[in-house]
Amino acid sequence: MAARTVLITGSTSGIGLGIARAFAKAKYNIIFNGLEKNGHEIAAAVAKEFQVDHMYSPANALHTDQLRTMVDEGLKQFNHIDVLINNCGVQHVSPIENFPDQKWEDILRVNLSSAFFLTKALMKPMKTQQFGRIINIASAHGLFASEYKSAYVAAKHGVLGLTKVTALEGAPFNINCNAICPGYVRTPLVDAQIRDQAKSHDISESEVIPRVILQKHAVKKFVPVELIGRLSLLLADEISATLTGTAIPIDGGWSAQ
């Protein structure tokens, strides 16, 4: 069979880009997706570095029609999409009584509904080819709650429920579905949180990392994006057919408490 094809949402920055690099190194065709203005160039650079075929889509996860178009274009170019990684996400922090209604709607649509619509679009093609791997990048917040993150926590808990249902429905067709639940990963978004928290607590950025950002990590280190990439590759492998319906924490020991 020709190289397998992976579709990764939110793959032109942060965790998604790290996962895309891991799959490109493993010689998958990559369907990149992201909203960065230079997303096309980011995707092309990774594809060139690892000498793989690729496609880039600026589909916005808020718009179901754009997600469906991305799938259609990917199937047209590569004939098959073998691995789906639902990674894109947004966040907003606010007490419940002040949480903007539209932020709630947007966070659930991007973090949860987009995963459903893409899974729905690919279940039939994956059943037909008798192979599929669906990996949902959830969060430690899919397992635990934190104050002021009502929409994000609700969405990520929902992702775990979707993961289990997809695993059950996909099992007879060699389609597995698993969720990865990372703790804090050093991304540009987290860098912004570090700066904001340092100002809020009036301490240095170096102090805010172990005391605030990584407070719930037993291991006071950020989760390496390379680890998420390697685990994603394992879950996508042929050998992982019986590994399904799980929520795997990579959280520095957060879930051990």
C-alpha atoms as a PDB file:
ATOM      1  CA  MET A   1       0.000   0.000   0.000  1.00  0.00           C
ATOM      2  CA  ALA A   2       1.117   3.540  -0.681  1.00  0.00           C
ATOM      3  CA  ALA A   3       2.130   5.714   2.245  1.00  0.00           C
ATOM      4  CA  ARG A   4      -0.647   6.152   4.745  1.00  0.00           C
ATOM      5  CA  THR A   5      -2.293   9.550   5.055  1.00  0.00           C
ATOM      6  CA  VAL A   6      -2.927  11.447   8.274  1.00  0.00           C
ATOM      7  CA  LEU A   7      -5.193  14.474   8.750  1.00  0.00           C
ATOM      8  CA  ILE A   8      -4.207  16.616  11.736  1.00  0.00           C
ATOM      9  CA  THR A   9      -6.260  19.619  12.768  1.00  0.00           C
ATOM     10  CA  GLY A  10      -4.421  22.586  14.228  1.00  0.00           C
ATOM     11  CA  SER A  11      -1.171  21.267  12.793  1.00  0.00           C
ATOM     12  CA  THR A  12       0.605  24.472  11.785  1.00  0.00           C
ATOM     13  CA  SER A  13       1.544  25.404  15.354  1.00  0.00           C
ATOM     14  CA  GLY A  14       2.062  24.014  18.846  1.00  0.00           C
ATOM     15  CA  ILE A  15       1.246  20.401  19.658  1.00  0.00           C
ATOM     16  CA  GLY A  16      -0.301  19.742  16.255  1.00  0.00           C
ATOM     17  CA  LEU A  17       2.830  20.850  14.425  1.00  0.00           C
ATOM     18  CA  GLY A  18       4.945  18.605  16.641  1.00  0.00           C
ATOM     19  CA  ILE A  19       2.685  15.652  15.846  1.00  0.00           C
ATOM     20  CA  ALA A  20       2.803  16.478  12.143  1.00  0.00           C
ATOM     21  CA  ARG A  21       6.605  16.449  12.212  1.00  0.00           C
ATOM     22  CA  ALA A  22       6.580  13.009  13.855  1.00  0.00           C
ATOM     23  CA  PHE A  23       4.271  11.592  11.176  1.00  0.00           C
ATOM     24  CA  ALA A  24       6.227  13.274   8.381  1.00  0.00           C
ATOM     25  CA  LYS A  25       9.418  11.692   9.719  1.00  0.00           C
ATOM     26  CA  ALA A  26       7.585   8.347   9.576  1.00  0.00           C
ATOM     27  CA  LYS A  27       6.791   9.082   5.904  1.00  0.00           C
ATOM     28  CA  TYR A  28       3.050   9.599   6.141  1.00  0.00           C
ATOM     29  CA  ASN A  29       1.278  11.858   3.684  1.00  0.00           C
ATOM     30  CA  ILE A  30       0.203  14.849   5.771  1.00  0.00           C
ATOM     31  CA  ILE A  31      -3.002  16.879   5.543  1.00  0.00           C
ATOM     32  CA  PHE A  32      -2.126  20.028   7.458  1.00  0.00           C
ATOM     33  CA  ASN A  33      -4.747  22.353   8.879  1.00  0.00           C
ATOM     34  CA  GLY A  34      -4.476  25.643  10.702  1.00  0.00           C
ATOM     35  CA  LEU A  35      -5.409  29.301  10.732  1.00  0.00           C
ATOM     36  CA  GLU A  36      -1.922  30.827  10.712  1.00  0.00           C
ATOM     37  CA  LYS A  37      -1.498  33.338   7.895  1.00  0.00           C
ATOM     38  CA  ASN A  38       1.639  31.512   6.759  1.00  0.00           C
ATOM     39  CA  GLY A  39       0.130  28.053   7.302  1.00  0.00           C
ATOM     40  CA  HIS A  40       0.757  27.049   3.713  1.00  0.00           C
ATOM     41  CA  GLU A  41       4.451  27.873   4.051  1.00  0.00           C
ATOM     42  CA  ILE A  42       4.743  26.053   7.399  1.00  0.00           C
ATOM     43  CA  ALA A  43       3.192  22.919   5.894  1.00  0.00           C
ATOM     44  CA  ALA A  44       5.355  23.076   2.781  1.00  0.00           C
ATOM     45  CA  ALA A  45       8.532  23.456   4.836  1.00  0.00           C
ATOM     46  CA  VAL A  46       7.804  20.338   6.918  1.00  0.00           C
ATOM     47  CA  ALA A  47       6.886  18.339   3.823  1.00  0.00           C
ATOM     48  CA  LYS A  48      10.074  19.419   2.093  1.00  0.00           C
ATOM     49  CA  GLU A  49      12.233  18.626   5.122  1.00  0.00           C
ATOM     50  CA  PHE A  50      10.970  15.046   5.310  1.00  0.00           C
ATOM     51  CA  GLN A  51      10.260  14.557   1.588  1.00  0.00           C
ATOM     52  CA  VAL A  52       6.589  13.630   1.949  1.00  0.00           C
ATOM     53  CA  ASP A  53       3.457  14.563   0.044  1.00  0.00           C
ATOM     54  CA  HIS A  54       1.141  17.027   1.729  1.00  0.00           C
ATOM     55  CA  MET A  55      -1.952  19.163   1.501  1.00  0.00           C
ATOM     56  CA  TYR A  56      -2.793  22.290   3.457  1.00  0.00           C
ATOM     57  CA  SER A  57      -6.299  23.399   4.403  1.00  0.00           C
ATOM     58  CA  PRO A  58      -7.228  26.625   6.219  1.00  0.00           C
ATOM     59  CA  ALA A  59     -10.574  25.091   7.285  1.00  0.00           C
ATOM     60  CA  ASN A  60     -11.963  26.824  10.351  1.00  0.00           C
ATOM     61  CA  ALA A  61     -13.237  24.367  12.979  1.00  0.00           C
ATOM     62  CA  LEU A  62     -16.137  26.721  13.714  1.00  0.00           C
ATOM     63  CA  HIS A  63     -17.586  25.947  10.276  1.00  0.00           C
ATOM     64  CA  THR A  64     -18.728  22.391   9.605  1.00  0.00           C
ATOM     65  CA  ASP A  65     -18.904  22.911   5.845  1.00  0.00           C
ATOM     66  CA  GLN A  66     -15.218  23.844   5.762  1.00  0.00           C
ATOM     67  CA  LEU A  67     -14.293  20.682   7.684  1.00  0.00           C
ATOM     68  CA  ARG A  68     -16.243  18.527   5.246  1.00  0.00           C
ATOM     69  CA  THR A  69     -14.594  20.256   2.299  1.00  0.00           C
ATOM     70  CA  MET A  70     -11.175  19.545   3.823  1.00  0.00           C
ATOM     71  CA  VAL A  71     -12.010  15.833   4.059  1.00  0.00           C
ATOM     72  CA  ASP A  72     -13.340  15.751   0.492  1.00  0.00           C
ATOM     73  CA  GLU A  73     -10.222  17.486  -0.841  1.00  0.00           C
ATOM     74  CA  GLY A  74      -7.964  15.159   1.126  1.00  0.00           C
ATOM     75  CA  LEU A  75      -9.701  12.055  -0.189  1.00  0.00           C
ATOM     76  CA  LYS A  76      -9.545  13.425  -3.716  1.00  0.00           C
ATOM     77  CA  GLN A  77      -5.798  14.065  -3.497  1.00  0.00           C
ATOM     78  CA  PHE A  78      -4.693  10.932  -1.623  1.00  0.00           C
ATOM     79  CA  ASN A  79      -7.611   8.506  -2.234  1.00  0.00           C
ATOM     80  CA  HIS A  80      -7.532   7.459   1.418  1.00  0.00           C
ATOM     81  CA  ILE A  81      -7.257   9.061   4.848  1.00  0.00           C
ATOM     82  CA  ASP A  82      -6.070   6.446   7.308  1.00  0.00           C
ATOM     83  CA  VAL A  83      -5.456   8.436  10.486  1.00  0.00           C
ATOM     84  CA  LEU A  84      -7.451  11.341  11.904  1.00  0.00           C
ATOM     85  CA  ILE A  85      -5.967  13.395  14.723  1.00  0.00           C
ATOM     86  CA  ASN A  86      -8.412  15.846  16.274  1.00  0.00           C
ATOM     87  CA  ASN A  87      -6.048  18.327  17.872  1.00  0.00           C
ATOM     88  CA  CYS A  88      -7.344  21.861  17.345  1.00  0.00           C
ATOM     89  CA  GLY A  89      -8.518  23.741  20.398  1.00  0.00           C
ATOM     90  CA  VAL A  90      -9.212  27.133  21.932  1.00  0.00           C
ATOM     91  CA  GLN A  91      -9.426  28.323  25.520  1.00  0.00           C
ATOM     92  CA  HIS A  92     -11.040  31.087  27.561  1.00  0.00           C
ATOM     93  CA  VAL A  93     -10.714  31.576  31.308  1.00  0.00           C
ATOM     94  CA  SER A  94     -13.511  33.192  33.312  1.00  0.00           C
ATOM     95  CA  PRO A  95     -15.766  32.555  36.307  1.00  0.00           C
ATOM     96  CA  ILE A  96     -19.010  30.866  35.252  1.00  0.00           C
ATOM     97  CA  GLU A  97     -21.183  33.886  36.051  1.00  0.00           C
ATOM     98  CA  ASN A  98     -19.057  36.072  33.751  1.00  0.00           C
ATOM     99  CA  PHE A  99     -18.380  33.501  31.036  1.00  0.00           C
ATOM    100  CA  PRO A 100     -19.441  34.961  27.659  1.00  0.00           C
ATOM    101  CA  ASP A 101     -22.146  32.915  25.950  1.00  0.00           C
ATOM    102  CA  GLN A 102     -20.404  33.076  22.593  1.00  0.00           C
ATOM    103  CA  LYS A 103     -17.095  31.890  24.079  1.00  0.00           C
ATOM    104  CA  TRP A 104     -18.909  28.860  25.498  1.00  0.00           C
ATOM    105  CA  GLU A 105     -20.415  28.080  22.079  1.00  0.00           C
ATOM    106  CA  ASP A 106     -17.108  28.554  20.242  1.00  0.00           C
ATOM    107  CA  ILE A 107     -15.054  26.440  22.644  1.00  0.00           C
ATOM    108  CA  LEU A 108     -17.476  23.519  22.456  1.00  0.00           C
ATOM    109  CA  ARG A 109     -17.660  23.768  18.681  1.00  0.00           C
ATOM    110  CA  VAL A 110     -13.881  23.903  18.137  1.00  0.00           C
ATOM    111  CA  ASN A 111     -12.781  21.479  20.859  1.00  0.00           C
ATOM    112  CA  LEU A 112     -15.615  18.930  20.688  1.00  0.00           C
ATOM    113  CA  SER A 113     -17.996  19.318  17.764  1.00  0.00           C
ATOM    114  CA  SER A 114     -15.217  19.520  15.161  1.00  0.00           C
ATOM    115  CA  ALA A 115     -13.934  16.134  16.353  1.00  0.00           C
ATOM    116  CA  PHE A 116     -17.415  14.676  15.935  1.00  0.00           C
ATOM    117  CA  PHE A 117     -17.966  16.092  12.453  1.00  0.00           C
ATOM    118  CA  LEU A 118     -14.574  14.917  11.166  1.00  0.00           C
ATOM    119  CA  THR A 119     -15.053  11.481  12.710  1.00  0.00           C
ATOM    120  CA  LYS A 120     -18.489  11.306  11.102  1.00  0.00           C
ATOM    121  CA  ALA A 121     -17.054  12.272   7.705  1.00  0.00           C
ATOM    122  CA  LEU A 122     -14.347   9.597   7.840  1.00  0.00           C
ATOM    123  CA  MET A 123     -16.112   6.638   9.456  1.00  0.00           C
ATOM    124  CA  LYS A 124     -17.626   5.360   6.219  1.00  0.00           C
ATOM    125  CA  PRO A 125     -14.365   5.561   4.179  1.00  0.00           C
ATOM    126  CA  MET A 126     -12.455   3.935   7.045  1.00  0.00           C
ATOM    127  CA  LYS A 127     -15.041   1.142   7.311  1.00  0.00           C
ATOM    128  CA  THR A 128     -14.797   0.559   3.573  1.00  0.00           C
ATOM    129  CA  GLN A 129     -11.005   0.197   3.695  1.00  0.00           C
ATOM    130  CA  GLN A 130     -11.215  -1.852   6.909  1.00  0.00           C
ATOM    131  CA  PHE A 131      -8.637   0.352   8.604  1.00  0.00           C
ATOM    132  CA  GLY A 132      -8.779   3.554  10.581  1.00  0.00           C
ATOM    133  CA  ARG A 133      -7.043   5.216  13.473  1.00  0.00           C
ATOM    134  CA  ILE A 134      -8.686   8.166  15.254  1.00  0.00           C
ATOM    135  CA  ILE A 135      -6.701   9.986  17.909  1.00  0.00           C
ATOM    136  CA  ASN A 136      -8.301  12.746  19.948  1.00  0.00           C
ATOM    137  CA  ILE A 137      -5.934  15.148  21.668  1.00  0.00           C
ATOM    138  CA  ALA A 138      -7.905  15.812  24.824  1.00  0.00           C
ATOM    139  CA  SER A 139      -6.197  17.172  27.934  1.00  0.00           C
ATOM    140  CA  ALA A 140      -5.614  16.418  31.572  1.00  0.00           C
ATOM    141  CA  HIS A 141      -8.711  18.610  31.828  1.00  0.00           C
ATOM    142  CA  GLY A 142     -10.612  15.786  30.190  1.00  0.00           C
ATOM    143  CA  LEU A 143      -9.953  13.881  33.420  1.00  0.00           C
ATOM    144  CA  PHE A 144      -9.902  16.693  35.994  1.00  0.00           C
ATOM    145  CA  ALA A 145     -11.374  20.132  36.435  1.00  0.00           C
ATOM    146  CA  SER A 146      -9.852  23.508  37.194  1.00  0.00           C
ATOM    147  CA  GLU A 147     -11.608  26.670  38.213  1.00  0.00           C
ATOM    148  CA  TYR A 148     -12.606  29.207  35.550  1.00  0.00           C
ATOM    149  CA  LYS A 149     -12.326  26.748  32.632  1.00  0.00           C
ATOM    150  CA  SER A 150     -15.941  25.553  32.454  1.00  0.00           C
ATOM    151  CA  ALA A 151     -16.253  25.360  28.665  1.00  0.00           C
ATOM    152  CA  TYR A 152     -12.806  23.830  28.093  1.00  0.00           C
ATOM    153  CA  VAL A 153     -13.283  21.194  30.812  1.00  0.00           C
ATOM    154  CA  ALA A 154     -16.794  20.362  29.579  1.00  0.00           C
ATOM    155  CA  ALA A 155     -15.557  20.019  25.995  1.00  0.00           C
ATOM    156  CA  LYS A 156     -12.584  17.830  26.894  1.00  0.00           C
ATOM    157  CA  HIS A 157     -14.746  15.563  29.062  1.00  0.00           C
ATOM    158  CA  GLY A 158     -17.050  15.303  26.048  1.00  0.00           C
ATOM    159  CA  VAL A 159     -14.125  14.313  23.838  1.00  0.00           C
ATOM    160  CA  LEU A 160     -13.465  11.326  26.100  1.00  0.00           C
ATOM    161  CA  GLY A 161     -17.093  10.216  25.774  1.00  0.00           C
ATOM    162  CA  LEU A 162     -16.913  10.562  21.994  1.00  0.00           C
ATOM    163  CA  THR A 163     -13.683   8.547  22.020  1.00  0.00           C
ATOM    164  CA  LYS A 164     -15.346   5.621  23.795  1.00  0.00           C
ATOM    165  CA  VAL A 165     -18.386   5.539  21.498  1.00  0.00           C
ATOM    166  CA  THR A 166     -16.200   5.757  18.391  1.00  0.00           C
ATOM    167  CA  ALA A 167     -14.034   2.904  19.687  1.00  0.00           C
ATOM    168  CA  LEU A 168     -17.071   0.674  20.182  1.00  0.00           C
ATOM    169  CA  GLU A 169     -18.568   1.440  16.771  1.00  0.00           C
ATOM    170  CA  GLY A 170     -15.230   1.132  14.985  1.00  0.00           C
ATOM    171  CA  ALA A 171     -14.052  -2.097  16.586  1.00  0.00           C
ATOM    172  CA  PRO A 172     -15.666  -4.507  14.050  1.00  0.00           C
ATOM    173  CA  PHE A 173     -14.001  -2.596  11.184  1.00  0.00           C
ATOM    174  CA  ASN A 174     -10.378  -2.386  12.433  1.00  0.00           C
ATOM    175  CA  ILE A 175     -10.904   1.242  13.454  1.00  0.00           C
ATOM    176  CA  ASN A 176      -9.500   2.165  16.834  1.00  0.00           C
ATOM    177  CA  CYS A 177     -10.034   5.421  18.705  1.00  0.00           C
ATOM    178  CA  ASN A 178      -8.065   6.734  21.655  1.00  0.00           C
ATOM    179  CA  ALA A 179      -7.571  10.012  23.475  1.00  0.00           C
ATOM    180  CA  ILE A 180      -4.293  11.487  24.665  1.00  0.00           C
ATOM    181  CA  CYS A 181      -4.558  13.668  27.758  1.00  0.00           C
ATOM    182  CA  PRO A 182      -1.475  15.897  28.042  1.00  0.00           C
ATOM    183  CA  GLY A 183      -0.594  18.093  30.960  1.00  0.00           C
ATOM    184  CA  TYR A 184       1.142  21.372  30.186  1.00  0.00           C
ATOM    185  CA  VAL A 185       3.155  21.489  26.965  1.00  0.00           C
ATOM    186  CA  ARG A 186       5.481  24.392  26.164  1.00  0.00           C
ATOM    187  CA  THR A 187       3.699  26.128  23.305  1.00  0.00           C
ATOM    188  CA  PRO A 188       3.304  29.803  22.345  1.00  0.00           C
ATOM    189  CA  LEU A 189      -0.067  29.830  24.127  1.00  0.00           C
ATOM    190  CA  VAL A 190       1.509  28.552  27.335  1.00  0.00           C
ATOM    191  CA  ASP A 191       4.325  31.097  26.991  1.00  0.00           C
ATOM    192  CA  ALA A 192       1.666  33.812  27.032  1.00  0.00           C
ATOM    193  CA  GLN A 193       0.146  32.276  30.174  1.00  0.00           C
ATOM    194  CA  ILE A 194       3.563  32.289  31.832  1.00  0.00           C
ATOM    195  CA  ARG A 195       3.985  36.006  31.148  1.00  0.00           C
ATOM    196  CA  ASP A 196       0.471  36.803  32.370  1.00  0.00           C
ATOM    197  CA  GLN A 197       0.815  34.722  35.533  1.00  0.00           C
ATOM    198  CA  ALA A 198       4.206  36.239  36.346  1.00  0.00           C
ATOM    199  CA  LYS A 199       2.672  39.711  36.229  1.00  0.00           C
ATOM    200  CA  SER A 200      -0.393  38.609  38.193  1.00  0.00           C
ATOM    201  CA  HIS A 201       1.645  37.008  41.008  1.00  0.00           C
ATOM    202  CA  ASP A 202       4.467  39.569  40.823  1.00  0.00           C
ATOM    203  CA  ILE A 203       7.139  36.882  40.513  1.00  0.00           C
ATOM    204  CA  SER A 204       9.643  36.016  37.818  1.00  0.00           C
ATOM    205  CA  GLU A 205       8.732  33.850  34.846  1.00  0.00           C
ATOM    206  CA  SER A 206      11.221  31.218  36.013  1.00  0.00           C
ATOM    207  CA  GLU A 207       9.417  31.043  39.378  1.00  0.00           C
ATOM    208  CA  VAL A 208       5.931  30.959  37.895  1.00  0.00           C
ATOM    209  CA  ILE A 209       6.633  27.762  35.920  1.00  0.00           C
ATOM    210  CA  PRO A 210       7.032  25.325  38.882  1.00  0.00           C
ATOM    211  CA  ARG A 211       4.881  27.280  41.368  1.00  0.00           C
ATOM    212  CA  VAL A 212       1.868  28.071  39.185  1.00  0.00           C
ATOM    213  CA  ILE A 213       1.902  26.533  35.702  1.00  0.00           C
ATOM    214  CA  LEU A 214       3.276  23.121  36.715  1.00  0.00           C
ATOM    215  CA  GLN A 215       1.822  23.136  40.217  1.00  0.00           C
ATOM    216  CA  LYS A 216      -0.184  19.939  39.631  1.00  0.00           C
ATOM    217  CA  HIS A 217       2.636  18.118  37.818  1.00  0.00           C
ATOM    218  CA  ALA A 218       4.567  15.790  40.130  1.00  0.00           C
ATOM    219  CA  VAL A 219       7.429  16.090  37.628  1.00  0.00           C
ATOM    220  CA  LYS A 220       8.032  19.814  37.314  1.00  0.00           C
ATOM    221  CA  LYS A 221       8.733  19.681  33.620  1.00  0.00           C
ATOM    222  CA  PHE A 222       6.668  20.475  30.550  1.00  0.00           C
ATOM    223  CA  VAL A 223       5.423  17.497  28.566  1.00  0.00           C
ATOM    224  CA  PRO A 224       7.629  17.202  25.456  1.00  0.00           C
ATOM    225  CA  VAL A 225       5.633  17.513  22.260  1.00  0.00           C
ATOM    226  CA  GLU A 226       7.884  14.787  20.840  1.00  0.00           C
ATOM    227  CA  LEU A 227       6.424  12.357  23.391  1.00  0.00           C
ATOM    228  CA  ILE A 228       2.911  13.136  22.199  1.00  0.00           C
ATOM    229  CA  GLY A 229       4.069  12.588  18.627  1.00  0.00           C
ATOM    230  CA  ARG A 230       5.598   9.209  19.432  1.00  0.00           C
ATOM    231  CA  LEU A 231       2.525   8.030  21.319  1.00  0.00           C
ATOM    232  CA  SER A 232       0.339   9.153  18.408  1.00  0.00           C
ATOM    233  CA  LEU A 233       2.459   7.079  16.031  1.00  0.00           C
ATOM    234  CA  LEU A 234       2.019   4.018  18.253  1.00  0.00           C
ATOM    235  CA  LEU A 235      -1.748   4.485  18.394  1.00  0.00           C
ATOM    236  CA  ALA A 236      -1.804   4.830  14.594  1.00  0.00           C
ATOM    237  CA  ASP A 237       0.177   1.649  14.017  1.00  0.00           C
ATOM    238  CA  GLU A 238      -1.227  -1.638  12.705  1.00  0.00           C
ATOM    239  CA  ILE A 239      -0.269  -3.314  15.972  1.00  0.00           C
ATOM    240  CA  SER A 240      -2.583  -1.076  18.006  1.00  0.00           C
ATOM    241  CA  ALA A 241      -5.877  -2.597  16.846  1.00  0.00           C
ATOM    242  CA  THR A 242      -6.661  -3.882  20.344  1.00  0.00           C
ATOM    243  CA  LEU A 243      -5.618  -0.634  22.009  1.00  0.00           C
ATOM    244  CA  THR A 244      -8.841   1.325  21.801  1.00  0.00           C
ATOM    245  CA  GLY A 245     -11.297   3.359  23.841  1.00  0.00           C
ATOM    246  CA  THR A 246      -8.645   4.637  26.223  1.00  0.00           C
ATOM    247  CA  ALA A 247      -7.744   8.024  27.678  1.00  0.00           C
ATOM    248  CA  ILE A 248      -3.976   8.061  28.115  1.00  0.00           C
ATOM    249  CA  PRO A 249      -2.552  10.719  30.473  1.00  0.00           C
ATOM    250  CA  ILE A 250       0.832  12.258  29.707  1.00  0.00           C
ATOM    251  CA  ASP A 251       0.735  14.704  32.563  1.00  0.00           C
ATOM    252  CA  GLY A 252       3.889  14.551  34.646  1.00  0.00           C
ATOM    253  CA  GLY A 253       2.106  12.578  37.355  1.00  0.00           C
ATOM    254  CA  TRP A 254      -0.881  14.923  37.703  1.00  0.00           C
ATOM    255  CA  SER A 255      -3.277  11.954  37.486  1.00  0.00           C
ATOM    256  CA  ALA A 256      -1.345  10.044  40.169  1.00  0.00           C
ATOM    257  CA  GLN A 257      -2.671  12.375  42.864  1.00  0.00           C
END
